[in-house]
Amino acid sequence: SFDDFLAQLSSRKRKDLRKERAAAQQGVTIRQLRGAEIRG
């Protein structure tokens, strides 16, 4: 998981990345699309 990866980072960097993800995701919906899911 992503958390497994974060566990390998230094404590400060781990906190920084979690803050960045939370800020980026606030107020938006993110979707990963493949194949027929990708429309015109």
PDB file of all heavy atoms in Angstrom:
ATOM      1  N   SER A   1       0.841  -1.192   0.000  1.00  0.00           N
ATOM      2  CA  SER A   1       0.000   0.000   0.000  1.00  0.00           C
ATOM      3  C   SER A   1       0.878   1.245   0.000  1.00  0.00           C
ATOM      4  O   SER A   1       2.099   1.165   0.229  1.00  0.00           O
ATOM      5  CB  SER A   1      -0.903   0.017   1.241  1.00  0.00           C
ATOM      6  OG  SER A   1      -0.103   0.167   2.407  1.00  0.00           O
ATOM      7  N   PHE A   2       0.248   2.381  -0.227  1.00  0.00           N
ATOM      8  CA  PHE A   2       0.979   3.655  -0.151  1.00  0.00           C
ATOM      9  C   PHE A   2       1.535   3.867   1.255  1.00  0.00           C
ATOM     10  O   PHE A   2       2.641   4.378   1.428  1.00  0.00           O
ATOM     11  CB  PHE A   2       0.048   4.805  -0.546  1.00  0.00           C
ATOM     12  CG  PHE A   2       0.757   6.102  -0.803  1.00  0.00           C
ATOM     13  CD1 PHE A   2       1.264   6.410  -2.064  1.00  0.00           C
ATOM     14  CD2 PHE A   2       0.935   7.026   0.214  1.00  0.00           C
ATOM     15  CE1 PHE A   2       1.931   7.606  -2.305  1.00  0.00           C
ATOM     16  CE2 PHE A   2       1.600   8.232  -0.020  1.00  0.00           C
ATOM     17  CZ  PHE A   2       2.096   8.517  -1.294  1.00  0.00           C
ATOM     18  N   ASP A   3       0.786   3.448   2.259  1.00  0.00           N
ATOM     19  CA  ASP A   3       1.275   3.593   3.636  1.00  0.00           C
ATOM     20  C   ASP A   3       2.536   2.776   3.875  1.00  0.00           C
ATOM     21  O   ASP A   3       3.414   3.183   4.651  1.00  0.00           O
ATOM     22  CB  ASP A   3       0.188   3.192   4.634  1.00  0.00           C
ATOM     23  CG  ASP A   3      -0.866   4.280   4.820  1.00  0.00           C
ATOM     24  OD1 ASP A   3      -0.578   5.449   4.487  1.00  0.00           O
ATOM     25  OD2 ASP A   3      -1.986   3.954   5.281  1.00  0.00           O
ATOM     26  N   ASP A   4       2.620   1.619   3.240  1.00  0.00           N
ATOM     27  CA  ASP A   4       3.852   0.819   3.348  1.00  0.00           C
ATOM     28  C   ASP A   4       5.037   1.610   2.805  1.00  0.00           C
ATOM     29  O   ASP A   4       6.134   1.587   3.379  1.00  0.00           O
ATOM     30  CB  ASP A   4       3.713  -0.481   2.560  1.00  0.00           C
ATOM     31  CG  ASP A   4       3.001  -1.559   3.344  1.00  0.00           C
ATOM     32  OD1 ASP A   4       2.658  -1.323   4.513  1.00  0.00           O
ATOM     33  OD2 ASP A   4       2.783  -2.643   2.773  1.00  0.00           O
ATOM     34  N   PHE A   5       4.831   2.265   1.671  1.00  0.00           N
ATOM     35  CA  PHE A   5       5.881   3.108   1.111  1.00  0.00           C
ATOM     36  C   PHE A   5       6.212   4.263   2.054  1.00  0.00           C
ATOM     37  O   PHE A   5       7.385   4.538   2.335  1.00  0.00           O
ATOM     38  CB  PHE A   5       5.443   3.637  -0.254  1.00  0.00           C
ATOM     39  CG  PHE A   5       6.129   4.887  -0.706  1.00  0.00           C
ATOM     40  CD1 PHE A   5       7.498   4.903  -0.942  1.00  0.00           C
ATOM     41  CD2 PHE A   5       5.402   6.064  -0.889  1.00  0.00           C
ATOM     42  CE1 PHE A   5       8.136   6.068  -1.357  1.00  0.00           C
ATOM     43  CE2 PHE A   5       6.027   7.221  -1.307  1.00  0.00           C
ATOM     44  CZ  PHE A   5       7.399   7.239  -1.538  1.00  0.00           C
ATOM     45  N   LEU A   6       5.190   4.937   2.584  1.00  0.00           N
ATOM     46  CA  LEU A   6       5.433   6.061   3.493  1.00  0.00           C
ATOM     47  C   LEU A   6       6.244   5.635   4.716  1.00  0.00           C
ATOM     48  O   LEU A   6       7.052   6.413   5.234  1.00  0.00           O
ATOM     49  CB  LEU A   6       4.104   6.659   3.956  1.00  0.00           C
ATOM     50  CG  LEU A   6       3.317   7.503   2.949  1.00  0.00           C
ATOM     51  CD1 LEU A   6       2.046   8.036   3.603  1.00  0.00           C
ATOM     52  CD2 LEU A   6       4.157   8.660   2.423  1.00  0.00           C
ATOM     53  N   ALA A   7       6.038   4.415   5.160  1.00  0.00           N
ATOM     54  CA  ALA A   7       6.747   3.937   6.346  1.00  0.00           C
ATOM     55  C   ALA A   7       8.255   3.904   6.153  1.00  0.00           C
ATOM     56  O   ALA A   7       9.016   3.884   7.140  1.00  0.00           O
ATOM     57  CB  ALA A   7       6.239   2.547   6.731  1.00  0.00           C
ATOM     58  N   GLN A   8       8.694   3.895   4.891  1.00  0.00           N
ATOM     59  CA  GLN A   8      10.134   3.873   4.617  1.00  0.00           C
ATOM     60  C   GLN A   8      10.743   5.268   4.611  1.00  0.00           C
ATOM     61  O   GLN A   8      11.968   5.413   4.534  1.00  0.00           O
ATOM     62  CB  GLN A   8      10.390   3.205   3.263  1.00  0.00           C
ATOM     63  CG  GLN A   8       9.906   1.775   3.183  1.00  0.00           C
ATOM     64  CD  GLN A   8      10.550   0.905   4.246  1.00  0.00           C
ATOM     65  OE1 GLN A   8      11.768   0.843   4.357  1.00  0.00           O
ATOM     66  NE2 GLN A   8       9.715   0.247   5.048  1.00  0.00           N
ATOM     67  N   LEU A   9       9.916   6.310   4.687  1.00  0.00           N
ATOM     68  CA  LEU A   9      10.421   7.671   4.658  1.00  0.00           C
ATOM     69  C   LEU A   9      10.735   8.173   6.061  1.00  0.00           C
ATOM     70  O   LEU A   9      10.240   7.638   7.060  1.00  0.00           O
ATOM     71  CB  LEU A   9       9.382   8.595   4.013  1.00  0.00           C
ATOM     72  CG  LEU A   9       8.899   8.247   2.607  1.00  0.00           C
ATOM     73  CD1 LEU A   9       7.954   9.329   2.097  1.00  0.00           C
ATOM     74  CD2 LEU A   9      10.067   8.064   1.648  1.00  0.00           C
ATOM     75  N   SER A  10      11.535   9.200   6.113  1.00  0.00           N
ATOM     76  CA  SER A  10      11.788   9.828   7.407  1.00  0.00           C
ATOM     77  C   SER A  10      10.490  10.409   7.940  1.00  0.00           C
ATOM     78  O   SER A  10       9.556  10.707   7.182  1.00  0.00           O
ATOM     79  CB  SER A  10      12.830  10.944   7.252  1.00  0.00           C
ATOM     80  OG  SER A  10      12.306  12.019   6.490  1.00  0.00           O
ATOM     81  N   SER A  11      10.412  10.604   9.241  1.00  0.00           N
ATOM     82  CA  SER A  11       9.177  11.061   9.871  1.00  0.00           C
ATOM     83  C   SER A  11       8.714  12.390   9.285  1.00  0.00           C
ATOM     84  O   SER A  11       7.519  12.566   8.986  1.00  0.00           O
ATOM     85  CB  SER A  11       9.391  11.198  11.380  1.00  0.00           C
ATOM     86  OG  SER A  11       8.252  11.758  11.996  1.00  0.00           O
ATOM     87  N   ARG A  12       9.620  13.319   9.087  1.00  0.00           N
ATOM     88  CA  ARG A  12       9.239  14.639   8.571  1.00  0.00           C
ATOM     89  C   ARG A  12       8.699  14.536   7.150  1.00  0.00           C
ATOM     90  O   ARG A  12       7.684  15.140   6.817  1.00  0.00           O
ATOM     91  CB  ARG A  12      10.440  15.579   8.610  1.00  0.00           C
ATOM     92  CG  ARG A  12      10.110  16.992   8.126  1.00  0.00           C
ATOM     93  CD  ARG A  12      11.290  17.925   8.342  1.00  0.00           C
ATOM     94  NE  ARG A  12      12.454  17.510   7.557  1.00  0.00           N
ATOM     95  CZ  ARG A  12      12.622  17.843   6.269  1.00  0.00           C
ATOM     96  NH1 ARG A  12      11.700  18.551   5.635  1.00  0.00           N
ATOM     97  NH2 ARG A  12      13.699  17.445   5.625  1.00  0.00           N
ATOM     98  N   LYS A  13       9.364  13.756   6.311  1.00  0.00           N
ATOM     99  CA  LYS A  13       8.910  13.602   4.927  1.00  0.00           C
ATOM    100  C   LYS A  13       7.572  12.882   4.859  1.00  0.00           C
ATOM    101  O   LYS A  13       6.717  13.198   4.028  1.00  0.00           O
ATOM    102  CB  LYS A  13       9.955  12.844   4.110  1.00  0.00           C
ATOM    103  CG  LYS A  13      11.225  13.638   3.852  1.00  0.00           C
ATOM    104  CD  LYS A  13      10.943  14.885   3.019  1.00  0.00           C
ATOM    105  CE  LYS A  13      12.214  15.640   2.698  1.00  0.00           C
ATOM    106  NZ  LYS A  13      11.916  16.894   1.935  1.00  0.00           N
ATOM    107  N   ARG A  14       7.390  11.920   5.746  1.00  0.00           N
ATOM    108  CA  ARG A  14       6.132  11.177   5.785  1.00  0.00           C
ATOM    109  C   ARG A  14       4.975  12.135   6.092  1.00  0.00           C
ATOM    110  O   ARG A  14       3.926  12.095   5.438  1.00  0.00           O
ATOM    111  CB  ARG A  14       6.231  10.081   6.842  1.00  0.00           C
ATOM    112  CG  ARG A  14       5.100   9.091   6.818  1.00  0.00           C
ATOM    113  CD  ARG A  14       5.490   7.798   7.524  1.00  0.00           C
ATOM    114  NE  ARG A  14       5.939   7.988   8.886  1.00  0.00           N
ATOM    115  CZ  ARG A  14       7.174   7.723   9.338  1.00  0.00           C
ATOM    116  NH1 ARG A  14       8.096   7.249   8.510  1.00  0.00           N
ATOM    117  NH2 ARG A  14       7.491   7.918  10.597  1.00  0.00           N
ATOM    118  N   LYS A  15       5.172  13.015   7.059  1.00  0.00           N
ATOM    119  CA  LYS A  15       4.141  13.996   7.398  1.00  0.00           C
ATOM    120  C   LYS A  15       3.905  14.960   6.247  1.00  0.00           C
ATOM    121  O   LYS A  15       2.763  15.328   5.952  1.00  0.00           O
ATOM    122  CB  LYS A  15       4.561  14.766   8.657  1.00  0.00           C
ATOM    123  CG  LYS A  15       4.562  13.928   9.921  1.00  0.00           C
ATOM    124  CD  LYS A  15       5.074  14.725  11.107  1.00  0.00           C
ATOM    125  CE  LYS A  15       5.126  13.876  12.367  1.00  0.00           C
ATOM    126  NZ  LYS A  15       5.707  14.634  13.522  1.00  0.00           N
ATOM    127  N   ASP A  16       4.978  15.393   5.594  1.00  0.00           N
ATOM    128  CA  ASP A  16       4.849  16.328   4.472  1.00  0.00           C
ATOM    129  C   ASP A  16       3.993  15.729   3.357  1.00  0.00           C
ATOM    130  O   ASP A  16       3.110  16.403   2.800  1.00  0.00           O
ATOM    131  CB  ASP A  16       6.225  16.695   3.914  1.00  0.00           C
ATOM    132  CG  ASP A  16       7.019  17.593   4.847  1.00  0.00           C
ATOM    133  OD1 ASP A  16       6.424  18.168   5.776  1.00  0.00           O
ATOM    134  OD2 ASP A  16       8.245  17.727   4.630  1.00  0.00           O
ATOM    135  N   LEU A  17       4.257  14.467   3.016  1.00  0.00           N
ATOM    136  CA  LEU A  17       3.519  13.846   1.921  1.00  0.00           C
ATOM    137  C   LEU A  17       2.049  13.658   2.277  1.00  0.00           C
ATOM    138  O   LEU A  17       1.164  13.857   1.434  1.00  0.00           O
ATOM    139  CB  LEU A  17       4.153  12.501   1.537  1.00  0.00           C
ATOM    140  CG  LEU A  17       5.168  12.565   0.380  1.00  0.00           C
ATOM    141  CD1 LEU A  17       6.361  13.419   0.748  1.00  0.00           C
ATOM    142  CD2 LEU A  17       5.628  11.171  -0.014  1.00  0.00           C
ATOM    143  N   ARG A  18       1.772  13.284   3.526  1.00  0.00           N
ATOM    144  CA  ARG A  18       0.375  13.133   3.938  1.00  0.00           C
ATOM    145  C   ARG A  18      -0.365  14.473   3.873  1.00  0.00           C
ATOM    146  O   ARG A  18      -1.530  14.533   3.441  1.00  0.00           O
ATOM    147  CB  ARG A  18       0.319  12.546   5.345  1.00  0.00           C
ATOM    148  CG  ARG A  18       0.617  11.052   5.376  1.00  0.00           C
ATOM    149  CD  ARG A  18       0.487  10.485   6.768  1.00  0.00           C
ATOM    150  NE  ARG A  18       0.559   9.032   6.757  1.00  0.00           N
ATOM    151  CZ  ARG A  18       1.226   8.315   7.649  1.00  0.00           C
ATOM    152  NH1 ARG A  18       1.882   8.932   8.637  1.00  0.00           N
ATOM    153  NH2 ARG A  18       1.259   7.002   7.578  1.00  0.00           N
ATOM    154  N   LYS A  19       0.302  15.544   4.263  1.00  0.00           N
ATOM    155  CA  LYS A  19      -0.316  16.873   4.195  1.00  0.00           C
ATOM    156  C   LYS A  19      -0.570  17.275   2.745  1.00  0.00           C
ATOM    157  O   LYS A  19      -1.617  17.848   2.420  1.00  0.00           O
ATOM    158  CB  LYS A  19       0.583  17.905   4.872  1.00  0.00           C
ATOM    159  CG  LYS A  19       0.612  17.807   6.386  1.00  0.00           C
ATOM    160  CD  LYS A  19       1.545  18.860   6.981  1.00  0.00           C
ATOM    161  CE  LYS A  19       1.583  18.766   8.504  1.00  0.00           C
ATOM    162  NZ  LYS A  19       2.529  19.755   9.096  1.00  0.00           N
ATOM    163  N   GLU A  20       0.388  16.972   1.869  1.00  0.00           N
ATOM    164  CA  GLU A  20       0.221  17.317   0.460  1.00  0.00           C
ATOM    165  C   GLU A  20      -0.960  16.572  -0.147  1.00  0.00           C
ATOM    166  O   GLU A  20      -1.764  17.165  -0.881  1.00  0.00           O
ATOM    167  CB  GLU A  20       1.503  17.002  -0.311  1.00  0.00           C
ATOM    168  CG  GLU A  20       2.642  17.956  -0.028  1.00  0.00           C
ATOM    169  CD  GLU A  20       3.867  17.686  -0.896  1.00  0.00           C
ATOM    170  OE1 GLU A  20       3.819  16.756  -1.731  1.00  0.00           O
ATOM    171  OE2 GLU A  20       4.858  18.408  -0.749  1.00  0.00           O
ATOM    172  N   ARG A  21      -1.069  15.293   0.147  1.00  0.00           N
ATOM    173  CA  ARG A  21      -2.171  14.515  -0.411  1.00  0.00           C
ATOM    174  C   ARG A  21      -3.522  15.020   0.115  1.00  0.00           C
ATOM    175  O   ARG A  21      -4.491  15.134  -0.656  1.00  0.00           O
ATOM    176  CB  ARG A  21      -2.023  13.029  -0.076  1.00  0.00           C
ATOM    177  CG  ARG A  21      -0.812  12.367  -0.699  1.00  0.00           C
ATOM    178  CD  ARG A  21      -1.023  10.867  -0.885  1.00  0.00           C
ATOM    179  NE  ARG A  21      -1.880  10.584  -2.039  1.00  0.00           N
ATOM    180  CZ  ARG A  21      -2.147   9.354  -2.479  1.00  0.00           C
ATOM    181  NH1 ARG A  21      -1.623   8.304  -1.860  1.00  0.00           N
ATOM    182  NH2 ARG A  21      -2.921   9.173  -3.521  1.00  0.00           N
ATOM    183  N   ALA A  22      -3.585  15.329   1.397  1.00  0.00           N
ATOM    184  CA  ALA A  22      -4.837  15.812   1.970  1.00  0.00           C
ATOM    185  C   ALA A  22      -5.248  17.140   1.341  1.00  0.00           C
ATOM    186  O   ALA A  22      -6.419  17.356   1.006  1.00  0.00           O
ATOM    187  CB  ALA A  22      -4.701  15.958   3.488  1.00  0.00           C
ATOM    188  N   ALA A  23      -4.279  18.035   1.152  1.00  0.00           N
ATOM    189  CA  ALA A  23      -4.581  19.338   0.559  1.00  0.00           C
ATOM    190  C   ALA A  23      -5.006  19.193  -0.895  1.00  0.00           C
ATOM    191  O   ALA A  23      -5.942  19.858  -1.355  1.00  0.00           O
ATOM    192  CB  ALA A  23      -3.356  20.253   0.666  1.00  0.00           C
ATOM    193  N   ALA A  24      -4.336  18.315  -1.626  1.00  0.00           N
ATOM    194  CA  ALA A  24      -4.653  18.128  -3.042  1.00  0.00           C
ATOM    195  C   ALA A  24      -6.037  17.520  -3.229  1.00  0.00           C
ATOM    196  O   ALA A  24      -6.765  17.863  -4.171  1.00  0.00           O
ATOM    197  CB  ALA A  24      -3.598  17.245  -3.702  1.00  0.00           C
ATOM    198  N   GLN A  25      -6.419  16.615  -2.346  1.00  0.00           N
ATOM    199  CA  GLN A  25      -7.680  15.891  -2.496  1.00  0.00           C
ATOM    200  C   GLN A  25      -8.880  16.662  -1.953  1.00  0.00           C
ATOM    201  O   GLN A  25     -10.028  16.312  -2.259  1.00  0.00           O
ATOM    202  CB  GLN A  25      -7.574  14.539  -1.791  1.00  0.00           C
ATOM    203  CG  GLN A  25      -6.592  13.584  -2.441  1.00  0.00           C
ATOM    204  CD  GLN A  25      -6.408  12.301  -1.652  1.00  0.00           C
ATOM    205  OE1 GLN A  25      -7.118  12.041  -0.689  1.00  0.00           O
ATOM    206  NE2 GLN A  25      -5.440  11.482  -2.053  1.00  0.00           N
ATOM    207  N   GLN A  26      -8.625  17.716  -1.182  1.00  0.00           N
ATOM    208  CA  GLN A  26      -9.724  18.466  -0.581  1.00  0.00           C
ATOM    209  C   GLN A  26     -10.583  19.127  -1.667  1.00  0.00           C
ATOM    210  O   GLN A  26     -10.101  19.875  -2.510  1.00  0.00           O
ATOM    211  CB  GLN A  26      -9.185  19.534   0.364  1.00  0.00           C
ATOM    212  CG  GLN A  26     -10.273  20.265   1.131  1.00  0.00           C
ATOM    213  CD  GLN A  26      -9.697  21.238   2.151  1.00  0.00           C
ATOM    214  OE1 GLN A  26      -8.513  21.543   2.130  1.00  0.00           O
ATOM    215  NE2 GLN A  26     -10.538  21.721   3.053  1.00  0.00           N
ATOM    216  N   GLY A  27     -11.874  18.819  -1.668  1.00  0.00           N
ATOM    217  CA  GLY A  27     -12.806  19.454  -2.581  1.00  0.00           C
ATOM    218  C   GLY A  27     -12.797  18.895  -3.992  1.00  0.00           C
ATOM    219  O   GLY A  27     -13.468  19.453  -4.879  1.00  0.00           O
ATOM    220  N   VAL A  28     -12.067  17.821  -4.240  1.00  0.00           N
ATOM    221  CA  VAL A  28     -12.035  17.245  -5.586  1.00  0.00           C
ATOM    222  C   VAL A  28     -12.289  15.741  -5.506  1.00  0.00           C
ATOM    223  O   VAL A  28     -12.089  15.112  -4.463  1.00  0.00           O
ATOM    224  CB  VAL A  28     -10.686  17.493  -6.309  1.00  0.00           C
ATOM    225  CG1 VAL A  28     -10.377  18.981  -6.382  1.00  0.00           C
ATOM    226  CG2 VAL A  28      -9.544  16.746  -5.646  1.00  0.00           C
ATOM    227  N   THR A  29     -12.734  15.195  -6.622  1.00  0.00           N
ATOM    228  CA  THR A  29     -12.879  13.753  -6.788  1.00  0.00           C
ATOM    229  C   THR A  29     -11.862  13.296  -7.817  1.00  0.00           C
ATOM    230  O   THR A  29     -11.752  13.900  -8.896  1.00  0.00           O
ATOM    231  CB  THR A  29     -14.289  13.390  -7.272  1.00  0.00           C
ATOM    232  OG1 THR A  29     -15.240  13.835  -6.310  1.00  0.00           O
ATOM    233  CG2 THR A  29     -14.420  11.889  -7.469  1.00  0.00           C
ATOM    234  N   ILE A  30     -11.096  12.281  -7.489  1.00  0.00           N
ATOM    235  CA  ILE A  30     -10.052  11.789  -8.389  1.00  0.00           C
ATOM    236  C   ILE A  30     -10.441  10.398  -8.862  1.00  0.00           C
ATOM    237  O   ILE A  30     -10.808   9.526  -8.059  1.00  0.00           O
ATOM    238  CB  ILE A  30      -8.681  11.770  -7.681  1.00  0.00           C
ATOM    239  CG1 ILE A  30      -8.273  13.197  -7.306  1.00  0.00           C
ATOM    240  CG2 ILE A  30      -7.626  11.133  -8.588  1.00  0.00           C
ATOM    241  CD1 ILE A  30      -7.022  13.286  -6.459  1.00  0.00           C
ATOM    242  N   ARG A  31     -10.378  10.199 -10.178  1.00  0.00           N
ATOM    243  CA  ARG A  31     -10.712   8.904 -10.763  1.00  0.00           C
ATOM    244  C   ARG A  31      -9.567   8.412 -11.628  1.00  0.00           C
ATOM    245  O   ARG A  31      -8.927   9.199 -12.344  1.00  0.00           O
ATOM    246  CB  ARG A  31     -11.972   9.019 -11.620  1.00  0.00           C
ATOM    247  CG  ARG A  31     -13.252   9.335 -10.852  1.00  0.00           C
ATOM    248  CD  ARG A  31     -14.439   9.369 -11.799  1.00  0.00           C
ATOM    249  NE  ARG A  31     -14.630   8.060 -12.459  1.00  0.00           N
ATOM    250  CZ  ARG A  31     -15.351   7.883 -13.565  1.00  0.00           C
ATOM    251  NH1 ARG A  31     -15.930   8.929 -14.152  1.00  0.00           N
ATOM    252  NH2 ARG A  31     -15.489   6.689 -14.090  1.00  0.00           N
ATOM    253  N   GLN A  32      -9.307   7.114 -11.545  1.00  0.00           N
ATOM    254  CA  GLN A  32      -8.345   6.453 -12.433  1.00  0.00           C
ATOM    255  C   GLN A  32      -9.137   5.702 -13.494  1.00  0.00           C
ATOM    256  O   GLN A  32      -9.910   4.793 -13.176  1.00  0.00           O
ATOM    257  CB  GLN A  32      -7.442   5.504 -11.650  1.00  0.00           C
ATOM    258  CG  GLN A  32      -6.529   6.197 -10.654  1.00  0.00           C
ATOM    259  CD  GLN A  32      -5.507   5.247 -10.038  1.00  0.00           C
ATOM    260  OE1 GLN A  32      -5.440   4.071 -10.374  1.00  0.00           O
ATOM    261  NE2 GLN A  32      -4.701   5.764  -9.123  1.00  0.00           N
ATOM    262  N   LEU A  33      -8.927   6.080 -14.759  1.00  0.00           N
ATOM    263  CA  LEU A  33      -9.714   5.531 -15.862  1.00  0.00           C
ATOM    264  C   LEU A  33      -8.831   4.707 -16.788  1.00  0.00           C
ATOM    265  O   LEU A  33      -7.695   5.094 -17.094  1.00  0.00           O
ATOM    266  CB  LEU A  33     -10.348   6.678 -16.661  1.00  0.00           C
ATOM    267  CG  LEU A  33     -11.192   7.668 -15.868  1.00  0.00           C
ATOM    268  CD1 LEU A  33     -11.570   8.858 -16.726  1.00  0.00           C
ATOM    269  CD2 LEU A  33     -12.443   6.988 -15.316  1.00  0.00           C
ATOM    270  N   ARG A  34      -9.393   3.568 -17.242  1.00  0.00           N
ATOM    271  CA  ARG A  34      -8.681   2.709 -18.192  1.00  0.00           C
ATOM    272  C   ARG A  34      -9.647   2.194 -19.244  1.00  0.00           C
ATOM    273  O   ARG A  34     -10.846   2.050 -18.998  1.00  0.00           O
ATOM    274  CB  ARG A  34      -8.041   1.505 -17.479  1.00  0.00           C
ATOM    275  CG  ARG A  34      -6.836   1.825 -16.630  1.00  0.00           C
ATOM    276  CD  ARG A  34      -6.234   0.551 -16.049  1.00  0.00           C
ATOM    277  NE  ARG A  34      -5.728  -0.354 -17.079  1.00  0.00           N
ATOM    278  CZ  ARG A  34      -5.221  -1.564 -16.823  1.00  0.00           C
ATOM    279  NH1 ARG A  34      -5.166  -2.001 -15.583  1.00  0.00           N
ATOM    280  NH2 ARG A  34      -4.769  -2.316 -17.808  1.00  0.00           N
ATOM    281  N   GLY A  35      -9.097   1.883 -20.417  1.00  0.00           N
ATOM    282  CA  GLY A  35      -9.846   1.208 -21.457  1.00  0.00           C
ATOM    283  C   GLY A  35     -11.139   1.925 -21.822  1.00  0.00           C
ATOM    284  O   GLY A  35     -11.168   3.126 -22.091  1.00  0.00           O
ATOM    285  N   ALA A  36     -12.249   1.188 -21.795  1.00  0.00           N
ATOM    286  CA  ALA A  36     -13.545   1.723 -22.199  1.00  0.00           C
ATOM    287  C   ALA A  36     -14.061   2.790 -21.245  1.00  0.00           C
ATOM    288  O   ALA A  36     -14.997   3.531 -21.590  1.00  0.00           O
ATOM    289  CB  ALA A  36     -14.562   0.586 -22.310  1.00  0.00           C
ATOM    290  N   GLU A  37     -13.472   2.889 -20.057  1.00  0.00           N
ATOM    291  CA  GLU A  37     -13.884   3.945 -19.127  1.00  0.00           C
ATOM    292  C   GLU A  37     -13.509   5.328 -19.650  1.00  0.00           C
ATOM    293  O   GLU A  37     -14.101   6.339 -19.259  1.00  0.00           O
ATOM    294  CB  GLU A  37     -13.227   3.733 -17.760  1.00  0.00           C
ATOM    295  CG  GLU A  37     -13.650   2.469 -17.039  1.00  0.00           C
ATOM    296  CD  GLU A  37     -12.867   2.265 -15.759  1.00  0.00           C
ATOM    297  OE1 GLU A  37     -11.649   2.531 -15.754  1.00  0.00           O
ATOM    298  OE2 GLU A  37     -13.484   1.827 -14.765  1.00  0.00           O
ATOM    299  N   ILE A  38     -12.493   5.395 -20.520  1.00  0.00           N
ATOM    300  CA  ILE A  38     -12.042   6.672 -21.061  1.00  0.00           C
ATOM    301  C   ILE A  38     -12.909   7.005 -22.272  1.00  0.00           C
ATOM    302  O   ILE A  38     -12.854   6.326 -23.295  1.00  0.00           O
ATOM    303  CB  ILE A  38     -10.560   6.615 -21.465  1.00  0.00           C
ATOM    304  CG1 ILE A  38      -9.694   6.126 -20.296  1.00  0.00           C
ATOM    305  CG2 ILE A  38     -10.087   7.994 -21.931  1.00  0.00           C
ATOM    306  CD1 ILE A  38      -8.239   5.889 -20.671  1.00  0.00           C
ATOM    307  N   ARG A  39     -13.713   8.020 -22.141  1.00  0.00           N
ATOM    308  CA  ARG A  39     -14.637   8.403 -23.205  1.00  0.00           C
ATOM    309  C   ARG A  39     -14.176   9.700 -23.890  1.00  0.00           C
ATOM    310  O   ARG A  39     -13.231  10.351 -23.442  1.00  0.00           O
ATOM    311  CB  ARG A  39     -16.047   8.575 -22.630  1.00  0.00           C
ATOM    312  CG  ARG A  39     -16.598   7.291 -21.987  1.00  0.00           C
ATOM    313  CD  ARG A  39     -18.065   7.441 -21.652  1.00  0.00           C
ATOM    314  NE  ARG A  39     -18.295   8.545 -20.730  1.00  0.00           N
ATOM    315  CZ  ARG A  39     -18.271   8.453 -19.404  1.00  0.00           C
ATOM    316  NH1 ARG A  39     -18.012   7.283 -18.830  1.00  0.00           N
ATOM    317  NH2 ARG A  39     -18.506   9.505 -18.649  1.00  0.00           N
ATOM    318  N   GLY A  40     -14.885  10.052 -24.947  1.00  0.00           N
ATOM    319  CA  GLY A  40     -14.516  11.225 -25.724  1.00  0.00           C
ATOM    320  C   GLY A  40     -14.458  12.490 -24.900  1.00  0.00           C
ATOM    321  O   GLY A  40     -13.572  13.339 -25.098  1.00  0.00           O
TER     322      GLY A  40
END
